[in-house]
Amino acid sequence: MPNGENKIKNSKRITKIRPLLFISLVVLVLSLAFTIRTFIEINSYSKPFESETLEAEVTIAYDRIGFDVSSDGLRFGKVVPNSFAEKNTVITNNNAFPVYIKITCEGAICELMNSSLQEAVLLPRETVSVRFVVEAKEEHEKGEYAGRIRVEYYKVFEPR
């Protein structure tokens, strides 16, 4: 009979362990699901959900100045050395969530240009004005300087 008693004791142990195994399995699955969801959500914030590219150009001329009234891109026209030209643009967050914006410059024009804003967080429906200034110094050679201004829009991570 000692063999029969061992089977009963083992059966009781298994009955006690099953709920613990089930609870452990549920906790493990929920933890894994939460980790995957968090990874996907955080990864989506590291890439811009939208971006815009503005062409930018200026001509340094020694004989005359001129301006460009076109509204596409940042076209500064002609400037003489030791002078500057400026353009303003408005960025509005039309989303229902906060947006991080990042402004970068590419190309030859970058050595001449500064902007009043490189990055910012805009709340929903918030607007910001960005001033771009091109300054031609005496040491700059005459000719055309072109490039691109890139504005990237990122979702702002909001802990829940």
Protein backbone atom coordinates (compact mmCIF):
# COMPACT_ATOMS: atom_id res chain seq x y z
CA MET A 1 0.00 0.00 0.00
CA PRO A 2 2.83 2.43 0.34
CA ASN A 3 2.81 2.62 -3.46
CA GLY A 4 -0.86 3.67 -3.54
CA GLU A 5 -0.28 6.34 -0.89
CA ASN A 6 2.55 7.85 -2.95
CA LYS A 7 0.26 8.08 -6.00
CA ILE A 8 -2.36 9.93 -3.95
CA LYS A 9 0.27 12.35 -2.54
CA ASN A 10 1.69 12.98 -6.02
CA SER A 11 -1.80 13.58 -7.36
CA LYS A 12 -2.48 16.14 -4.62
CA ARG A 13 0.84 17.91 -5.36
CA ILE A 14 0.04 18.10 -9.07
CA THR A 15 -3.41 19.49 -8.28
CA LYS A 16 -1.79 22.21 -6.12
CA ILE A 17 0.88 23.04 -8.74
CA ARG A 18 -1.43 23.36 -11.77
CA PRO A 19 -3.01 26.70 -10.72
CA LEU A 20 0.46 28.11 -10.04
CA LEU A 21 1.68 26.99 -13.46
CA PHE A 22 -1.41 28.48 -15.09
CA ILE A 23 -0.97 31.81 -13.28
CA SER A 24 2.74 31.86 -14.16
CA LEU A 25 1.94 31.19 -17.82
CA VAL A 26 -0.66 33.99 -17.91
CA VAL A 27 1.79 36.45 -16.30
CA LEU A 28 4.49 35.44 -18.76
CA VAL A 29 2.22 35.91 -21.80
CA LEU A 30 0.97 39.31 -20.55
CA SER A 31 4.53 40.46 -19.84
CA LEU A 32 5.65 39.40 -23.30
CA ALA A 33 2.68 41.13 -24.96
CA PHE A 34 3.33 44.35 -23.00
CA THR A 35 7.06 44.27 -23.89
CA ILE A 36 6.35 43.79 -27.61
CA ARG A 37 3.72 46.55 -27.60
CA THR A 38 6.10 48.95 -25.80
CA PHE A 39 8.92 48.14 -28.23
CA ILE A 40 6.71 48.77 -31.26
CA GLU A 41 5.33 52.00 -29.80
CA ILE A 42 8.72 53.41 -28.83
CA ASN A 43 10.22 52.40 -32.18
CA SER A 44 7.45 54.29 -34.00
CA TYR A 45 8.50 57.49 -32.19
CA SER A 46 12.07 57.24 -33.46
CA LYS A 47 11.02 57.72 -37.10
CA PRO A 48 9.32 60.81 -38.50
CA PHE A 49 5.69 60.26 -39.44
CA GLU A 50 5.92 63.14 -41.92
CA SER A 51 8.60 65.33 -43.47
CA GLU A 52 8.80 68.30 -45.81
CA THR A 53 11.68 69.50 -47.95
CA LEU A 54 12.07 73.12 -49.00
CA GLU A 55 14.50 74.08 -51.74
CA ALA A 56 16.76 76.95 -50.65
CA GLU A 57 18.99 79.14 -52.78
CA VAL A 58 20.79 82.47 -52.78
CA THR A 59 23.12 84.18 -55.24
CA ILE A 60 26.04 86.27 -54.06
CA ALA A 61 26.63 89.03 -56.60
CA TYR A 62 29.06 91.96 -56.31
CA ASP A 63 27.24 94.29 -58.65
CA ARG A 64 23.60 94.31 -57.53
CA ILE A 65 21.04 93.01 -55.15
CA GLY A 66 17.69 91.49 -55.93
CA PHE A 67 14.87 89.66 -54.27
CA ASP A 68 12.66 86.73 -55.12
CA VAL A 69 8.94 86.90 -54.40
CA SER A 70 8.19 83.25 -55.16
CA SER A 71 6.43 81.36 -52.41
CA ASP A 72 7.83 77.90 -53.17
CA GLY A 73 10.88 77.14 -51.09
CA LEU A 74 13.31 79.59 -49.54
CA ARG A 75 14.62 81.62 -52.43
CA PHE A 76 16.58 84.61 -51.14
CA GLY A 77 17.39 86.25 -54.46
CA LYS A 78 20.70 88.13 -54.81
CA VAL A 79 22.77 89.56 -51.99
CA VAL A 80 26.03 91.49 -51.99
CA PRO A 81 28.88 90.72 -49.57
CA ASN A 82 28.44 92.11 -46.05
CA SER A 83 24.66 91.98 -46.31
CA PHE A 84 21.90 89.56 -45.49
CA ALA A 85 18.47 88.44 -46.60
CA GLU A 86 15.76 86.80 -44.56
CA LYS A 87 12.61 84.74 -45.04
CA ASN A 88 10.02 83.63 -42.53
CA THR A 89 7.90 80.53 -42.61
CA VAL A 90 5.16 79.29 -40.31
CA ILE A 91 4.85 75.74 -39.01
CA THR A 92 1.54 74.63 -37.52
CA ASN A 93 0.77 71.40 -35.71
CA ASN A 94 -2.62 70.39 -37.11
CA ASN A 95 -2.60 67.09 -35.25
CA ALA A 96 -4.52 66.18 -32.11
CA PHE A 97 -1.26 65.21 -30.36
CA PRO A 98 2.02 67.00 -29.57
CA VAL A 99 4.65 66.91 -32.30
CA TYR A 100 8.43 67.23 -32.08
CA ILE A 101 9.83 69.08 -35.10
CA LYS A 102 13.42 68.96 -36.26
CA ILE A 103 14.82 71.35 -38.89
CA THR A 104 18.03 70.47 -40.72
CA CYS A 105 19.94 72.02 -43.61
CA GLU A 106 21.71 70.24 -46.48
CA GLY A 107 23.93 71.67 -49.19
CA ALA A 108 26.20 74.64 -49.87
CA ILE A 109 23.70 77.21 -48.60
CA CYS A 110 24.11 75.89 -45.05
CA GLU A 111 27.42 77.73 -44.59
CA LEU A 112 25.55 81.04 -45.13
CA MET A 113 22.25 80.32 -43.40
CA ASN A 114 21.00 80.33 -39.83
CA SER A 115 17.50 79.63 -38.55
CA SER A 116 15.77 80.86 -35.42
CA LEU A 117 14.68 77.30 -34.59
CA GLN A 118 16.30 73.90 -35.03
CA GLU A 119 13.91 71.83 -32.93
CA ALA A 120 10.81 72.27 -30.81
CA VAL A 121 7.74 70.54 -29.45
CA LEU A 122 4.45 71.92 -30.73
CA LEU A 123 1.25 71.24 -28.87
CA PRO A 124 -1.92 70.45 -30.84
CA ARG A 125 -2.98 73.47 -32.97
CA GLU A 126 0.16 75.41 -31.94
CA THR A 127 1.96 77.57 -34.51
CA VAL A 128 5.56 78.74 -34.59
CA SER A 129 7.27 81.21 -36.91
CA VAL A 130 10.77 80.28 -38.11
CA ARG A 131 13.14 82.95 -39.39
CA PHE A 132 15.82 81.93 -41.91
CA VAL A 133 18.68 84.38 -42.46
CA VAL A 134 21.33 84.17 -45.17
CA GLU A 135 24.41 86.29 -44.52
CA ALA A 136 26.97 86.92 -47.25
CA LYS A 137 30.37 87.80 -45.85
CA GLU A 138 33.30 89.36 -47.65
CA GLU A 139 35.16 86.04 -47.85
CA HIS A 140 32.33 84.23 -49.64
CA GLU A 141 32.85 83.78 -53.37
CA LYS A 142 30.25 85.10 -55.74
CA GLY A 143 27.91 82.56 -57.27
CA GLU A 144 24.90 80.43 -56.42
CA TYR A 145 24.52 78.61 -53.13
CA ALA A 146 21.76 76.04 -53.02
CA GLY A 147 20.50 73.35 -50.71
CA ARG A 148 17.48 72.00 -48.90
CA ILE A 149 15.76 72.61 -45.62
CA ARG A 150 14.22 69.47 -44.18
CA VAL A 151 11.47 69.63 -41.57
CA GLU A 152 10.73 66.31 -39.86
CA TYR A 153 7.69 65.66 -37.67
CA TYR A 154 7.83 63.07 -34.88
CA LYS A 155 5.17 61.88 -32.48
CA VAL A 156 5.93 62.84 -28.90
CA PHE A 157 5.93 59.86 -26.57
CA GLU A 158 3.34 60.36 -23.85
CA PRO A 159 3.44 57.82 -21.02
CA ARG A 160 0.05 56.42 -20.21
